[in-house]
Amino acid sequence: MSTHFELHCHVGVGSAVTGEALVADDNFSARYDLDRIKGIFSRPQHKLVGQSYVDKILVFNTAKGGVASAWMLHEMVSRKLAPRAILFNSVNPILAQGGALANMALCDRFAEGDVTQLIQTGDRVSVNPELGLVTVERD
């Protein structure tokens, strides 16, 4: 039996998307955590090391880094080696601007609590940044 529920967040940036969740109770830096050529998490200390982020809905605590991480989102989208969306408990303004530049769905500040505990890896997630709505389907 599958479960279906909605989460409400701050209005985000980017287009509405649907995909499979990849979740870590960790932080995110496009600059230091990723091998952007292979499309995988590469920093040995990251909880998702070795896993592909391509076409996933990534779920993290917060963003690390600044301007370099922001422009890297755009670069990843241009090469079709990007996540579909990134959901955060909280995100910094620079990475939010990077999401807007890349037209990547990016949302944060969930009314229901810690998004890394609410969504599980493998959940089917629909993100509508304009409405501040995330729908989760779990088998």
N, C-alpha and C. Protein backbone atom coordinates (compact mmCIF):
# COMPACT_ATOMS: atom_id res chain seq x y z
N MET A 1 0.84 -1.17 0.00
CA MET A 1 0.00 0.00 0.00
C MET A 1 0.88 1.24 0.00
N SER A 2 0.58 2.18 -0.87
CA SER A 2 1.41 3.37 -0.95
C SER A 2 0.84 4.49 -0.08
N THR A 3 1.73 5.36 0.34
CA THR A 3 1.40 6.52 1.15
C THR A 3 1.58 7.76 0.29
N HIS A 4 0.73 8.73 0.47
CA HIS A 4 0.78 9.98 -0.27
C HIS A 4 0.59 11.12 0.73
N PHE A 5 1.50 12.11 0.71
CA PHE A 5 1.33 13.26 1.60
C PHE A 5 1.95 14.50 0.98
N GLU A 6 1.54 15.65 1.50
CA GLU A 6 2.03 16.94 1.00
C GLU A 6 2.85 17.64 2.07
N LEU A 7 3.86 18.35 1.61
CA LEU A 7 4.69 19.19 2.47
C LEU A 7 4.61 20.62 1.94
N HIS A 8 4.62 21.57 2.85
CA HIS A 8 4.50 22.98 2.48
C HIS A 8 5.79 23.70 2.84
N CYS A 9 6.29 24.47 1.89
CA CYS A 9 7.56 25.16 2.08
C CYS A 9 7.44 26.60 1.60
N HIS A 10 8.50 27.34 1.83
CA HIS A 10 8.60 28.70 1.32
C HIS A 10 8.55 28.64 -0.20
N VAL A 11 7.96 29.62 -0.85
CA VAL A 11 7.95 29.67 -2.31
C VAL A 11 9.39 29.61 -2.80
N GLY A 12 9.65 28.73 -3.76
CA GLY A 12 11.01 28.52 -4.24
C GLY A 12 11.24 29.08 -5.63
N VAL A 13 12.27 28.57 -6.28
CA VAL A 13 12.63 28.97 -7.63
C VAL A 13 12.63 27.76 -8.54
N GLY A 14 12.61 28.00 -9.85
CA GLY A 14 12.70 26.93 -10.83
C GLY A 14 11.34 26.41 -11.25
N SER A 15 11.39 25.45 -12.16
CA SER A 15 10.19 24.85 -12.72
C SER A 15 9.73 23.66 -11.89
N ALA A 16 8.45 23.32 -12.02
CA ALA A 16 7.90 22.14 -11.35
C ALA A 16 8.50 20.88 -11.96
N VAL A 17 8.87 19.93 -11.12
CA VAL A 17 9.49 18.68 -11.56
C VAL A 17 9.03 17.52 -10.68
N THR A 18 9.23 16.32 -11.19
CA THR A 18 8.96 15.09 -10.44
C THR A 18 10.15 14.16 -10.61
N GLY A 19 10.49 13.43 -9.56
CA GLY A 19 11.59 12.49 -9.66
C GLY A 19 11.74 11.68 -8.39
N GLU A 20 12.79 10.88 -8.37
CA GLU A 20 13.10 10.02 -7.23
C GLU A 20 13.99 10.76 -6.24
N ALA A 21 13.65 10.66 -4.95
CA ALA A 21 14.41 11.34 -3.90
C ALA A 21 15.71 10.62 -3.58
N LEU A 22 16.73 11.41 -3.29
CA LEU A 22 17.99 10.95 -2.74
C LEU A 22 18.26 11.84 -1.53
N VAL A 23 18.22 11.26 -0.33
CA VAL A 23 18.18 12.03 0.91
C VAL A 23 19.41 11.75 1.76
N ALA A 24 19.93 12.81 2.37
CA ALA A 24 21.02 12.65 3.35
C ALA A 24 20.89 13.71 4.43
N ASP A 25 21.05 13.28 5.67
CA ASP A 25 21.14 14.21 6.78
C ASP A 25 22.55 14.78 6.75
N ASP A 26 22.78 15.64 5.77
CA ASP A 26 24.09 16.20 5.47
C ASP A 26 23.87 17.55 4.82
N ASN A 27 24.94 18.24 4.49
CA ASN A 27 24.86 19.52 3.80
C ASN A 27 25.28 19.33 2.34
N PHE A 28 25.23 20.40 1.53
CA PHE A 28 25.48 20.27 0.11
C PHE A 28 26.35 21.40 -0.42
N SER A 29 27.39 21.02 -1.16
CA SER A 29 28.22 21.97 -1.90
C SER A 29 28.45 21.40 -3.30
N ALA A 30 28.00 22.12 -4.31
CA ALA A 30 28.25 21.68 -5.69
C ALA A 30 29.76 21.69 -5.98
N ARG A 31 30.48 22.56 -5.33
CA ARG A 31 31.92 22.67 -5.59
C ARG A 31 32.73 21.55 -4.95
N TYR A 32 32.45 21.22 -3.70
CA TYR A 32 33.31 20.29 -2.97
C TYR A 32 32.77 18.87 -2.83
N ASP A 33 31.47 18.67 -3.00
CA ASP A 33 30.88 17.35 -2.76
C ASP A 33 30.73 16.50 -4.02
N LEU A 34 30.83 17.12 -5.21
CA LEU A 34 30.46 16.43 -6.44
C LEU A 34 31.61 16.25 -7.41
N ASP A 35 31.56 15.14 -8.14
CA ASP A 35 32.35 14.98 -9.36
C ASP A 35 31.38 15.32 -10.48
N ARG A 36 31.47 16.54 -10.99
CA ARG A 36 30.49 17.03 -11.97
C ARG A 36 30.70 16.45 -13.36
N ILE A 37 31.78 15.73 -13.58
CA ILE A 37 32.00 15.04 -14.86
C ILE A 37 31.31 13.67 -14.84
N LYS A 38 31.44 12.95 -13.73
CA LYS A 38 30.85 11.62 -13.60
C LYS A 38 29.41 11.66 -13.09
N GLY A 39 28.98 12.78 -12.49
CA GLY A 39 27.63 12.89 -11.98
C GLY A 39 27.40 12.16 -10.67
N ILE A 40 28.44 12.10 -9.82
CA ILE A 40 28.32 11.39 -8.54
C ILE A 40 28.83 12.26 -7.39
N PHE A 41 28.41 11.89 -6.18
CA PHE A 41 29.00 12.50 -4.99
C PHE A 41 30.39 11.91 -4.81
N SER A 42 31.38 12.77 -4.63
CA SER A 42 32.76 12.29 -4.62
C SER A 42 33.53 12.58 -3.34
N ARG A 43 33.06 13.51 -2.51
CA ARG A 43 33.80 13.80 -1.27
C ARG A 43 33.67 12.60 -0.35
N PRO A 44 34.79 11.99 0.04
CA PRO A 44 34.74 10.75 0.83
C PRO A 44 33.93 10.85 2.12
N GLN A 45 33.86 12.02 2.74
CA GLN A 45 33.13 12.17 4.00
C GLN A 45 31.63 12.39 3.79
N HIS A 46 31.19 12.63 2.56
CA HIS A 46 29.77 12.89 2.33
C HIS A 46 28.97 11.60 2.46
N LYS A 47 27.79 11.68 3.05
CA LYS A 47 26.97 10.50 3.30
C LYS A 47 26.47 9.84 2.02
N LEU A 48 26.52 10.54 0.88
CA LEU A 48 26.07 9.96 -0.39
C LEU A 48 27.23 9.63 -1.34
N VAL A 49 28.45 9.54 -0.82
CA VAL A 49 29.62 9.30 -1.67
C VAL A 49 29.39 8.08 -2.57
N GLY A 50 29.73 8.25 -3.85
CA GLY A 50 29.62 7.18 -4.83
C GLY A 50 28.27 7.10 -5.51
N GLN A 51 27.25 7.80 -5.01
CA GLN A 51 25.91 7.73 -5.60
C GLN A 51 25.71 8.83 -6.64
N SER A 52 24.94 8.52 -7.67
CA SER A 52 24.63 9.49 -8.71
C SER A 52 23.58 10.48 -8.23
N TYR A 53 23.80 11.74 -8.55
CA TYR A 53 22.82 12.78 -8.24
C TYR A 53 22.01 13.18 -9.48
N VAL A 54 22.36 12.67 -10.64
CA VAL A 54 21.74 13.07 -11.90
C VAL A 54 20.26 12.68 -11.92
N ASP A 55 19.42 13.66 -12.24
CA ASP A 55 17.96 13.51 -12.34
C ASP A 55 17.28 13.16 -11.03
N LYS A 56 17.92 13.33 -9.91
CA LYS A 56 17.34 13.04 -8.58
C LYS A 56 16.76 14.31 -7.97
N ILE A 57 15.86 14.12 -7.02
CA ILE A 57 15.40 15.19 -6.15
C ILE A 57 16.26 15.07 -4.89
N LEU A 58 17.23 15.96 -4.74
CA LEU A 58 18.15 15.89 -3.61
C LEU A 58 17.53 16.57 -2.40
N VAL A 59 17.77 15.99 -1.21
CA VAL A 59 17.21 16.52 0.03
C VAL A 59 18.33 16.61 1.06
N PHE A 60 18.56 17.85 1.57
CA PHE A 60 19.67 18.11 2.50
C PHE A 60 19.26 19.07 3.61
N ASN A 61 20.15 19.18 4.59
CA ASN A 61 19.96 20.17 5.66
C ASN A 61 20.11 21.59 5.13
N THR A 62 21.30 21.91 4.64
CA THR A 62 21.56 23.27 4.17
C THR A 62 22.63 23.26 3.09
N ALA A 63 22.82 24.42 2.49
CA ALA A 63 23.83 24.58 1.44
C ALA A 63 25.13 25.07 2.05
N LYS A 64 26.23 24.61 1.47
CA LYS A 64 27.56 25.10 1.85
C LYS A 64 28.12 25.84 0.65
N GLY A 65 28.97 26.79 0.91
CA GLY A 65 29.64 27.47 -0.18
C GLY A 65 28.91 28.70 -0.64
N GLY A 66 29.45 29.27 -1.70
CA GLY A 66 28.92 30.53 -2.17
C GLY A 66 28.80 30.58 -3.68
N VAL A 67 29.39 31.60 -4.24
CA VAL A 67 29.21 31.91 -5.66
C VAL A 67 29.61 30.75 -6.56
N ALA A 68 30.69 30.06 -6.27
CA ALA A 68 31.11 28.94 -7.13
C ALA A 68 30.05 27.85 -7.17
N SER A 69 29.47 27.49 -6.02
CA SER A 69 28.41 26.48 -6.00
C SER A 69 27.20 26.96 -6.81
N ALA A 70 26.89 28.23 -6.72
CA ALA A 70 25.72 28.77 -7.43
C ALA A 70 25.89 28.67 -8.94
N TRP A 71 27.02 29.11 -9.48
CA TRP A 71 27.17 29.04 -10.94
C TRP A 71 27.35 27.61 -11.41
N MET A 72 27.83 26.73 -10.54
CA MET A 72 27.99 25.32 -10.92
C MET A 72 26.65 24.64 -11.18
N LEU A 73 25.59 25.07 -10.51
CA LEU A 73 24.26 24.52 -10.80
C LEU A 73 23.89 24.78 -12.25
N HIS A 74 24.13 26.00 -12.71
CA HIS A 74 23.84 26.34 -14.11
C HIS A 74 24.68 25.51 -15.06
N GLU A 75 25.94 25.35 -14.74
CA GLU A 75 26.86 24.57 -15.58
C GLU A 75 26.42 23.11 -15.64
N MET A 76 25.98 22.55 -14.53
CA MET A 76 25.53 21.15 -14.48
C MET A 76 24.27 20.96 -15.33
N VAL A 77 23.35 21.91 -15.27
CA VAL A 77 22.13 21.84 -16.09
C VAL A 77 22.49 21.91 -17.57
N SER A 78 23.40 22.79 -17.92
CA SER A 78 23.77 22.95 -19.33
C SER A 78 24.38 21.68 -19.92
N ARG A 79 25.00 20.86 -19.08
CA ARG A 79 25.60 19.60 -19.54
C ARG A 79 24.70 18.39 -19.29
N LYS A 80 23.49 18.63 -18.81
CA LYS A 80 22.51 17.56 -18.54
C LYS A 80 23.04 16.54 -17.53
N LEU A 81 23.82 17.00 -16.56
CA LEU A 81 24.32 16.18 -15.46
C LEU A 81 23.97 16.86 -14.14
N ALA A 82 22.67 17.11 -13.97
CA ALA A 82 22.21 17.87 -12.81
C ALA A 82 21.08 17.14 -12.09
N PRO A 83 20.89 17.47 -10.83
CA PRO A 83 19.68 16.99 -10.15
C PRO A 83 18.46 17.70 -10.74
N ARG A 84 17.28 17.12 -10.56
CA ARG A 84 16.05 17.78 -11.01
C ARG A 84 15.66 18.91 -10.06
N ALA A 85 15.94 18.71 -8.77
CA ALA A 85 15.59 19.69 -7.75
C ALA A 85 16.45 19.46 -6.53
N ILE A 86 16.54 20.50 -5.69
CA ILE A 86 17.20 20.36 -4.39
C ILE A 86 16.27 20.96 -3.35
N LEU A 87 16.00 20.19 -2.31
CA LEU A 87 15.19 20.62 -1.19
C LEU A 87 16.08 20.73 0.04
N PHE A 88 15.93 21.81 0.78
CA PHE A 88 16.76 22.08 1.96
C PHE A 88 15.88 22.40 3.15
N ASN A 89 16.40 22.15 4.35
CA ASN A 89 15.78 22.73 5.53
C ASN A 89 15.96 24.25 5.49
N SER A 90 17.15 24.69 5.10
CA SER A 90 17.41 26.12 4.88
C SER A 90 18.50 26.25 3.83
N VAL A 91 18.36 27.27 2.99
CA VAL A 91 19.34 27.50 1.93
C VAL A 91 19.81 28.95 2.01
N ASN A 92 21.04 29.20 1.57
CA ASN A 92 21.54 30.57 1.58
C ASN A 92 21.09 31.31 0.31
N PRO A 93 21.03 32.64 0.36
CA PRO A 93 20.55 33.41 -0.80
C PRO A 93 21.38 33.20 -2.06
N ILE A 94 22.67 32.97 -1.92
CA ILE A 94 23.52 32.80 -3.11
C ILE A 94 23.14 31.53 -3.86
N LEU A 95 22.93 30.42 -3.15
CA LEU A 95 22.57 29.19 -3.84
C LEU A 95 21.14 29.28 -4.39
N ALA A 96 20.26 30.00 -3.71
CA ALA A 96 18.91 30.22 -4.25
C ALA A 96 19.00 30.98 -5.57
N GLN A 97 19.88 31.95 -5.65
CA GLN A 97 20.10 32.67 -6.91
C GLN A 97 20.65 31.73 -7.98
N GLY A 98 21.53 30.82 -7.59
CA GLY A 98 22.07 29.83 -8.52
C GLY A 98 20.98 28.93 -9.06
N GLY A 99 20.05 28.51 -8.20
CA GLY A 99 18.91 27.72 -8.64
C GLY A 99 18.06 28.48 -9.65
N ALA A 100 17.85 29.77 -9.39
CA ALA A 100 17.08 30.60 -10.32
C ALA A 100 17.80 30.72 -11.66
N LEU A 101 19.09 30.96 -11.64
CA LEU A 101 19.88 31.07 -12.87
C LEU A 101 19.83 29.78 -13.67
N ALA A 102 19.88 28.65 -12.99
CA ALA A 102 19.88 27.34 -13.65
C ALA A 102 18.46 26.86 -14.00
N ASN A 103 17.45 27.59 -13.54
CA ASN A 103 16.05 27.16 -13.64
C ASN A 103 15.89 25.77 -13.02
N MET A 104 16.57 25.58 -11.90
CA MET A 104 16.48 24.33 -11.15
C MET A 104 15.54 24.53 -9.98
N ALA A 105 14.62 23.60 -9.80
CA ALA A 105 13.69 23.69 -8.67
C ALA A 105 14.47 23.63 -7.37
N LEU A 106 14.23 24.60 -6.51
CA LEU A 106 14.94 24.70 -5.24
C LEU A 106 13.99 25.30 -4.21
N CYS A 107 13.77 24.60 -3.11
CA CYS A 107 12.86 25.05 -2.06
C CYS A 107 13.46 24.79 -0.69
N ASP A 108 12.98 25.55 0.31
CA ASP A 108 13.43 25.33 1.68
C ASP A 108 12.35 25.75 2.67
N ARG A 109 12.66 25.63 3.95
CA ARG A 109 11.81 26.04 5.07
C ARG A 109 10.45 25.33 5.05
N PHE A 110 10.46 24.08 5.42
CA PHE A 110 9.26 23.25 5.41
C PHE A 110 8.47 23.40 6.71
N ALA A 111 7.20 23.69 6.58
CA ALA A 111 6.31 23.90 7.73
C ALA A 111 6.22 22.66 8.60
N GLU A 112 6.33 21.49 8.00
CA GLU A 112 6.15 20.23 8.72
C GLU A 112 7.38 19.78 9.48
N GLY A 113 8.52 20.46 9.30
CA GLY A 113 9.71 20.10 10.05
C GLY A 113 10.89 19.74 9.17
N ASP A 114 11.78 18.93 9.70
CA ASP A 114 13.04 18.54 9.06
C ASP A 114 12.78 17.69 7.82
N VAL A 115 13.03 18.28 6.65
CA VAL A 115 12.73 17.59 5.39
C VAL A 115 13.59 16.34 5.19
N THR A 116 14.76 16.28 5.82
CA THR A 116 15.60 15.08 5.69
C THR A 116 15.02 13.91 6.48
N GLN A 117 14.07 14.18 7.37
CA GLN A 117 13.39 13.13 8.12
C GLN A 117 12.01 12.81 7.53
N LEU A 118 11.45 13.73 6.79
CA LEU A 118 10.11 13.56 6.22
C LEU A 118 10.12 12.79 4.90
N ILE A 119 11.17 13.00 4.11
CA ILE A 119 11.30 12.35 2.81
C ILE A 119 12.37 11.27 2.92
N GLN A 120 12.16 10.14 2.27
CA GLN A 120 13.12 9.03 2.29
C GLN A 120 13.67 8.79 0.88
N THR A 121 14.91 8.32 0.82
CA THR A 121 15.49 7.92 -0.46
C THR A 121 14.56 6.91 -1.13
N GLY A 122 14.30 7.14 -2.41
CA GLY A 122 13.42 6.26 -3.18
C GLY A 122 11.99 6.75 -3.29
N ASP A 123 11.60 7.70 -2.44
CA ASP A 123 10.25 8.28 -2.56
C ASP A 123 10.13 8.97 -3.92
N ARG A 124 8.92 8.95 -4.47
CA ARG A 124 8.63 9.71 -5.69
C ARG A 124 8.14 11.07 -5.24
N VAL A 125 8.84 12.12 -5.67
CA VAL A 125 8.60 13.47 -5.16
C VAL A 125 8.26 14.41 -6.32
N SER A 126 7.18 15.18 -6.15
CA SER A 126 6.82 16.23 -7.08
C SER A 126 7.03 17.56 -6.37
N VAL A 127 7.78 18.45 -7.02
CA VAL A 127 8.12 19.74 -6.44
C VAL A 127 7.47 20.84 -7.28
N ASN A 128 6.68 21.69 -6.65
CA ASN A 128 6.11 22.85 -7.32
C ASN A 128 6.57 24.10 -6.57
N PRO A 129 7.73 24.65 -6.99
CA PRO A 129 8.30 25.79 -6.26
C PRO A 129 7.38 27.01 -6.22
N GLU A 130 6.64 27.25 -7.29
CA GLU A 130 5.77 28.42 -7.36
C GLU A 130 4.69 28.39 -6.29
N LEU A 131 4.19 27.19 -5.98
CA LEU A 131 3.16 27.03 -4.95
C LEU A 131 3.73 26.75 -3.57
N GLY A 132 5.05 26.47 -3.49
CA GLY A 132 5.65 26.07 -2.22
C GLY A 132 5.06 24.74 -1.75
N LEU A 133 4.92 23.80 -2.69
CA LEU A 133 4.27 22.52 -2.42
C LEU A 133 5.13 21.37 -2.92
N VAL A 134 5.32 20.39 -2.05
CA VAL A 134 6.04 19.17 -2.39
C VAL A 134 5.13 17.99 -2.05
N THR A 135 4.89 17.14 -3.05
CA THR A 135 4.04 15.97 -2.87
C THR A 135 4.93 14.73 -2.86
N VAL A 136 4.71 13.87 -1.89
CA VAL A 136 5.55 12.67 -1.72
C VAL A 136 4.68 11.43 -1.84
N GLU A 137 5.15 10.47 -2.66
CA GLU A 137 4.51 9.17 -2.78
C GLU A 137 5.52 8.12 -2.36
N ARG A 138 5.10 7.24 -1.47
CA ARG A 138 5.99 6.20 -0.94
C ARG A 138 5.29 4.85 -1.05
N ASP A 139 6.00 3.86 -1.58
CA ASP A 139 5.45 2.50 -1.68
C ASP A 139 5.55 1.78 -0.36
